[in-house]
Amino acid sequence: MADTAASTSRGPRGPKPKRIFSGTNILLYGILILVSLYYLVPLWVMIMTSLKTMPEIRIGNVFAPPVEITFQPWIQAWSQHCTGLVCKGLSPGFWNSVQILVPSVILSIVIASINGYALINWKFKGSEVFFVILMIGAFIPYQIMLYPMVIMLRELGVYGSLTGLVIVHTIFGMPILTLLFRNYFSSVPEELFKAARVDGAGFWGIYFRIMLPMALPIFVVAIILQVTGIWNDFLFGVVFISKAENYPMTVQLNNIVNSVQGIKEYNVNMAATLLTGLVPLVVYFLSGKLFVRGIAAGAVKG
């Protein structure tokens, strides 16, 4: 009874509960809200403009929602808008971008994952030199390499084709992806590889049975980086594609937005811009948690 009375007189124990509306929390959430609005307001304007008719847009209230929602600008941007003499909208460019994106992502990630795995666990003569060359390639501006790449693709006979652009994206994605995979694989305990070798696993056995099942987060990071970079690319699409029917979606978007023929249709331009950015946004939102987890593991180790 005495102990109970003494503990009661001393008051409650444990850490002091934190206030929800403390000065620090108000400042932190206030800054986060302002930054979110900074990025969300332009997106709001684009969406609202894409759903309005041109007479309503000319009134000038860009922030107001549409009085009468119309999806005709989206339809026109996808399949009807004219660029020059061709009136097929963005749909041909979308399928061109898909044909460029899929093999480029698969090839670059597969090769880079093998490179990173070999560089960290299977040392060979000249491995450090090879890694340094890859890292130098990650920091060389793309513009410096354009002309040599044009000559190389011309000699291979693939300049101006989708195949040539796939080769370009695969090569330029290799350095940074190799660095990510190397740093991620360096966190795997060396004892695990020694045990696998004792059990008779070779280079490919360890790669497929141990490394791949453990590397899902960093593969998601690599996929998001490549999808975003390749899908949003404009420079390579203009330089390495010679025929208009092979242009990726971003080049066709530029042709639509910067067209000087006819009336400027801002609702169609906004709809075309949103359609072009839809793929990387969907990929990121579907795998956002794994992206954060993988980039943290692959960027600070090694």
Protein backbone atom coordinates (compact mmCIF):
# COMPACT_ATOMS: atom_id res chain seq x y z
CA MET A 1 0.00 0.00 0.00
CA ALA A 2 2.87 2.34 0.83
CA ASP A 3 4.54 1.68 -2.53
CA THR A 4 1.26 2.33 -4.34
CA ALA A 5 0.74 5.60 -2.54
CA ALA A 6 4.34 6.70 -3.23
CA SER A 7 4.05 5.93 -6.96
CA THR A 8 0.74 7.77 -7.12
CA SER A 9 2.21 10.84 -5.49
CA ARG A 10 5.12 10.93 -7.96
CA GLY A 11 2.69 11.11 -10.93
CA PRO A 12 2.67 9.20 -14.25
CA ARG A 13 5.90 7.77 -15.64
CA GLY A 14 7.20 7.40 -19.18
CA PRO A 15 8.04 9.85 -21.92
CA LYS A 16 6.10 13.05 -22.15
CA PRO A 17 3.46 12.86 -24.91
CA LYS A 18 4.22 15.01 -27.91
CA ARG A 19 1.84 17.79 -28.88
CA ILE A 20 0.29 17.44 -32.32
CA PHE A 21 0.22 21.20 -32.94
CA SER A 22 3.71 22.04 -31.75
CA GLY A 23 5.66 24.86 -33.37
CA THR A 24 7.97 22.40 -35.13
CA ASN A 25 5.09 20.38 -36.60
CA ILE A 26 3.27 23.49 -37.79
CA LEU A 27 6.42 24.77 -39.52
CA LEU A 28 7.23 21.38 -41.05
CA TYR A 29 3.74 20.68 -42.40
CA GLY A 30 3.36 24.28 -43.53
CA ILE A 31 6.50 24.00 -45.68
CA LEU A 32 5.38 20.62 -47.06
CA ILE A 33 1.96 22.02 -47.98
CA LEU A 34 3.51 25.02 -49.75
CA VAL A 35 5.90 22.81 -51.72
CA SER A 36 3.02 20.47 -52.66
CA LEU A 37 0.92 23.39 -53.87
CA TYR A 38 3.87 24.69 -55.89
CA TYR A 39 3.87 21.46 -57.90
CA LEU A 40 0.14 20.71 -57.85
CA VAL A 41 -1.18 24.09 -59.04
CA PRO A 42 0.34 23.80 -62.56
CA LEU A 43 -1.00 20.25 -62.80
CA TRP A 44 -4.45 21.50 -61.75
CA VAL A 45 -4.34 24.22 -64.43
CA MET A 46 -3.35 21.68 -67.09
CA ILE A 47 -6.14 19.26 -66.18
CA MET A 48 -8.80 21.98 -65.97
CA THR A 49 -7.70 23.54 -69.27
CA SER A 50 -7.76 20.16 -71.03
CA LEU A 51 -11.41 19.68 -70.00
CA LYS A 52 -12.62 23.09 -71.21
CA THR A 53 -13.80 24.31 -74.59
CA MET A 54 -11.87 27.08 -76.34
CA PRO A 55 -14.60 29.75 -75.78
CA GLU A 56 -14.40 29.07 -72.03
CA ILE A 57 -10.60 29.19 -72.06
CA ARG A 58 -10.70 32.61 -73.73
CA ILE A 59 -12.62 34.00 -70.73
CA GLY A 60 -9.29 33.86 -68.91
CA ASN A 61 -10.00 32.20 -65.54
CA VAL A 62 -7.38 29.46 -65.73
CA PHE A 63 -7.83 28.21 -62.15
CA ALA A 64 -11.61 27.71 -62.31
CA PRO A 65 -13.01 24.24 -63.05
CA PRO A 66 -14.82 23.83 -66.38
CA VAL A 67 -18.45 24.88 -66.54
CA GLU A 68 -19.11 22.10 -69.03
CA ILE A 69 -16.66 19.19 -69.09
CA THR A 70 -15.60 17.96 -72.52
CA PHE A 71 -13.24 15.12 -73.43
CA GLN A 72 -13.01 16.12 -77.07
CA PRO A 73 -9.54 17.72 -76.58
CA TRP A 74 -8.25 14.37 -75.27
CA ILE A 75 -9.71 12.49 -78.22
CA GLN A 76 -8.31 15.03 -80.65
CA ALA A 77 -4.86 14.95 -79.02
CA TRP A 78 -4.76 11.15 -79.11
CA SER A 79 -6.00 10.36 -82.61
CA GLN A 80 -7.08 13.42 -84.62
CA HIS A 81 -4.69 16.35 -84.27
CA CYS A 82 -2.63 17.18 -87.34
CA THR A 83 1.13 17.62 -87.47
CA GLY A 84 1.93 18.68 -91.00
CA LEU A 85 -0.08 16.52 -93.39
CA VAL A 86 -0.57 13.66 -90.93
CA CYS A 87 -3.68 13.80 -88.71
CA LYS A 88 -3.25 10.83 -86.36
CA GLY A 89 -2.53 12.64 -83.10
CA LEU A 90 -0.16 11.14 -80.53
CA SER A 91 -1.15 7.50 -80.96
CA PRO A 92 1.61 6.59 -83.48
CA GLY A 93 4.21 8.22 -81.24
CA PHE A 94 2.89 6.31 -78.23
CA TRP A 95 3.44 2.94 -79.89
CA ASN A 96 6.85 4.06 -81.15
CA SER A 97 7.79 5.01 -77.59
CA VAL A 98 6.60 1.62 -76.32
CA GLN A 99 8.74 -0.16 -78.94
CA ILE A 100 11.72 1.93 -77.84
CA LEU A 101 11.05 1.71 -74.11
CA VAL A 102 10.52 -2.02 -73.54
CA PRO A 103 13.71 -3.42 -75.10
CA SER A 104 15.81 -0.48 -73.85
CA VAL A 105 14.69 -1.00 -70.24
CA ILE A 106 15.13 -4.78 -70.35
CA LEU A 107 18.55 -4.74 -72.02
CA SER A 108 20.04 -1.93 -69.92
CA ILE A 109 18.83 -3.35 -66.60
CA VAL A 110 19.85 -6.93 -67.33
CA ILE A 111 23.35 -5.95 -68.50
CA ALA A 112 23.84 -3.41 -65.68
CA SER A 113 22.74 -5.90 -62.99
CA ILE A 114 25.24 -8.47 -64.28
CA ASN A 115 27.94 -5.78 -64.42
CA GLY A 116 27.27 -4.67 -60.85
CA TYR A 117 27.21 -8.25 -59.59
CA ALA A 118 30.47 -9.13 -61.37
CA LEU A 119 32.27 -5.97 -60.25
CA ILE A 120 31.55 -6.50 -56.56
CA ASN A 121 31.94 -10.28 -56.19
CA TRP A 122 33.88 -11.64 -59.18
CA LYS A 123 37.02 -9.57 -59.48
CA PHE A 124 38.78 -9.92 -62.82
CA LYS A 125 41.86 -8.29 -64.29
CA GLY A 126 41.03 -4.71 -65.15
CA SER A 127 37.71 -4.67 -63.26
CA GLU A 128 38.51 -1.41 -61.47
CA VAL A 129 39.54 0.25 -64.73
CA PHE A 130 36.31 -0.94 -66.33
CA PHE A 131 34.31 0.51 -63.43
CA VAL A 132 36.11 3.87 -63.66
CA ILE A 133 35.35 4.05 -67.40
CA LEU A 134 31.69 3.40 -66.69
CA MET A 135 31.61 6.14 -64.06
CA ILE A 136 33.26 8.62 -66.41
CA GLY A 137 30.55 7.79 -68.93
CA ALA A 138 27.88 8.69 -66.36
CA PHE A 139 29.12 12.28 -66.11
CA ILE A 140 29.93 13.07 -69.74
CA PRO A 141 27.27 15.40 -71.20
CA TYR A 142 25.13 13.64 -73.80
CA GLN A 143 25.60 16.46 -76.29
CA ILE A 144 29.33 15.70 -76.60
CA MET A 145 28.58 12.12 -77.68
CA LEU A 146 25.89 12.85 -80.26
CA TYR A 147 28.07 13.10 -83.34
CA PRO A 148 30.22 10.01 -82.56
CA MET A 149 27.03 8.04 -81.87
CA VAL A 150 25.52 9.16 -85.19
CA ILE A 151 28.62 7.92 -87.02
CA MET A 152 28.59 4.62 -85.11
CA LEU A 153 24.91 3.96 -85.84
CA ARG A 154 25.40 4.90 -89.48
CA GLU A 155 28.23 2.39 -89.80
CA LEU A 156 26.06 -0.27 -88.17
CA GLY A 157 23.25 0.51 -90.63
CA VAL A 158 20.65 1.33 -87.94
CA TYR A 159 20.74 5.14 -87.94
CA GLY A 160 17.25 6.62 -88.14
CA SER A 161 15.54 3.42 -86.97
CA LEU A 162 13.93 2.44 -83.67
CA THR A 163 16.65 -0.20 -83.24
CA GLY A 164 19.34 2.47 -83.30
CA LEU A 165 17.53 4.48 -80.62
CA VAL A 166 17.21 1.36 -78.46
CA ILE A 167 21.00 0.89 -78.68
CA VAL A 168 21.59 4.53 -77.70
CA HIS A 169 19.32 4.39 -74.63
CA THR A 170 20.82 1.06 -73.55
CA ILE A 171 24.38 2.43 -73.73
CA PHE A 172 23.67 5.72 -71.99
CA GLY A 173 21.72 4.03 -69.19
CA MET A 174 24.53 1.60 -68.39
CA PRO A 175 26.88 3.69 -66.16
CA ILE A 176 24.41 4.93 -63.54
CA LEU A 177 22.55 1.61 -63.41
CA THR A 178 25.79 -0.31 -62.96
CA LEU A 179 26.69 1.98 -60.05
CA LEU A 180 23.30 1.40 -58.42
CA PHE A 181 23.49 -2.38 -58.74
CA ARG A 182 27.12 -2.49 -57.59
CA ASN A 183 26.34 -0.49 -54.46
CA TYR A 184 23.25 -2.56 -53.70
CA PHE A 185 25.00 -5.90 -54.15
CA SER A 186 27.88 -4.72 -51.94
CA SER A 187 25.50 -4.89 -48.96
CA VAL A 188 25.11 -8.67 -49.36
CA PRO A 189 27.37 -10.48 -46.84
CA GLU A 190 30.42 -12.08 -48.44
CA GLU A 191 29.84 -15.22 -46.35
CA LEU A 192 26.68 -15.86 -48.36
CA PHE A 193 28.71 -16.11 -51.57
CA LYS A 194 31.31 -18.32 -49.95
CA ALA A 195 28.60 -20.68 -48.70
CA ALA A 196 27.03 -20.80 -52.16
CA ARG A 197 30.36 -21.63 -53.76
CA VAL A 198 30.94 -24.39 -51.23
CA ASP A 199 27.54 -25.82 -52.22
CA GLY A 200 28.69 -25.86 -55.85
CA ALA A 201 26.95 -22.74 -57.20
CA GLY A 202 28.82 -20.93 -59.96
CA PHE A 203 28.60 -17.42 -61.39
CA TRP A 204 25.14 -17.79 -62.91
CA GLY A 205 23.81 -20.01 -60.13
CA ILE A 206 24.54 -17.38 -57.49
CA TYR A 207 23.17 -14.62 -59.71
CA PHE A 208 19.83 -16.28 -60.44
CA ARG A 209 19.24 -18.09 -57.12
CA ILE A 210 20.58 -15.54 -54.63
CA MET A 211 21.02 -12.09 -56.13
CA LEU A 212 17.86 -11.73 -58.19
CA PRO A 213 15.41 -12.71 -55.41
CA MET A 214 17.08 -10.21 -53.06
CA ALA A 215 17.31 -7.35 -55.55
CA LEU A 216 13.63 -6.49 -56.16
CA PRO A 217 13.85 -2.94 -54.67
CA ILE A 218 16.87 -1.93 -56.75
CA PHE A 219 15.29 -3.42 -59.89
CA VAL A 220 12.25 -1.22 -59.25
CA VAL A 221 14.54 1.82 -58.90
CA ALA A 222 16.28 0.95 -62.16
CA ILE A 223 12.97 0.46 -63.97
CA ILE A 224 11.61 3.81 -62.78
CA LEU A 225 14.80 5.65 -63.70
CA GLN A 226 14.92 4.11 -67.16
CA VAL A 227 11.21 4.45 -67.87
CA THR A 228 11.26 8.11 -66.83
CA GLY A 229 14.45 8.94 -68.72
CA ILE A 230 13.63 7.04 -71.92
CA TRP A 231 9.95 7.98 -72.13
CA ASN A 232 10.60 11.68 -71.50
CA ASP A 233 13.58 11.88 -73.83
CA PHE A 234 13.36 14.42 -76.63
CA LEU A 235 16.96 15.04 -77.69
CA PHE A 236 17.81 11.49 -78.77
CA GLY A 237 14.46 11.10 -80.51
CA VAL A 238 15.10 14.16 -82.67
CA VAL A 239 18.75 13.35 -83.43
CA PHE A 240 18.66 9.59 -84.01
CA ILE A 241 15.28 9.23 -85.77
CA SER A 242 15.13 10.38 -89.37
CA LYS A 243 11.57 9.49 -90.37
CA ALA A 244 8.51 11.26 -88.95
CA GLU A 245 6.55 8.01 -88.66
CA ASN A 246 9.19 6.69 -86.22
CA TYR A 247 9.21 9.72 -83.90
CA PRO A 248 8.64 8.94 -80.20
CA MET A 249 5.78 10.52 -78.31
CA THR A 250 7.75 13.49 -76.97
CA VAL A 251 8.83 14.59 -80.44
CA GLN A 252 5.27 14.38 -81.70
CA LEU A 253 4.13 16.35 -78.64
CA ASN A 254 6.59 19.09 -79.58
CA ASN A 255 5.24 19.10 -83.14
CA ILE A 256 1.67 19.47 -81.83
CA VAL A 257 2.36 22.16 -79.22
CA ASN A 258 4.65 24.23 -81.46
CA SER A 259 2.54 23.91 -84.59
CA VAL A 260 2.07 27.25 -86.35
CA GLN A 261 -0.81 26.10 -88.55
CA GLY A 262 -4.38 27.03 -87.71
CA ILE A 263 -5.74 28.23 -84.36
CA LYS A 264 -3.81 27.63 -81.15
CA GLU A 265 -5.85 25.05 -79.24
CA TYR A 266 -4.62 25.21 -75.65
CA ASN A 267 -7.00 22.51 -74.43
CA VAL A 268 -5.61 20.03 -76.96
CA ASN A 269 -2.05 21.01 -76.08
CA MET A 270 -2.69 20.41 -72.37
CA ALA A 271 -4.39 17.08 -73.05
CA ALA A 272 -1.47 15.99 -75.26
CA THR A 273 1.02 16.96 -72.54
CA LEU A 274 -0.87 14.98 -69.89
CA LEU A 275 -1.13 11.95 -72.16
CA THR A 276 2.62 12.04 -72.79
CA GLY A 277 3.47 12.16 -69.07
CA LEU A 278 0.95 9.52 -68.03
CA VAL A 279 3.15 6.42 -68.36
CA PRO A 280 6.03 7.43 -66.01
CA LEU A 281 3.50 8.81 -63.50
CA VAL A 282 1.61 5.51 -63.40
CA VAL A 283 4.83 3.50 -63.07
CA TYR A 284 6.05 5.67 -60.20
CA PHE A 285 2.78 5.66 -58.25
CA LEU A 286 2.46 1.88 -58.54
CA SER A 287 5.95 1.29 -57.16
CA GLY A 288 6.74 4.38 -55.08
CA LYS A 289 7.47 2.58 -51.79
CA LEU A 290 9.89 0.15 -53.39
CA PHE A 291 11.56 3.06 -55.18
CA VAL A 292 12.35 4.87 -51.91
CA ARG A 293 13.54 1.66 -50.28
CA GLY A 294 15.75 0.70 -53.21
CA ILE A 295 17.29 4.10 -53.85
CA ALA A 296 18.27 4.38 -50.18
CA ALA A 297 19.94 0.96 -50.26
CA GLY A 298 21.63 1.45 -53.63
CA ALA A 299 22.91 4.98 -53.18
CA VAL A 300 24.70 5.05 -49.83
CA LYS A 301 26.50 1.70 -49.69
CA GLY A 302 29.69 0.62 -51.40
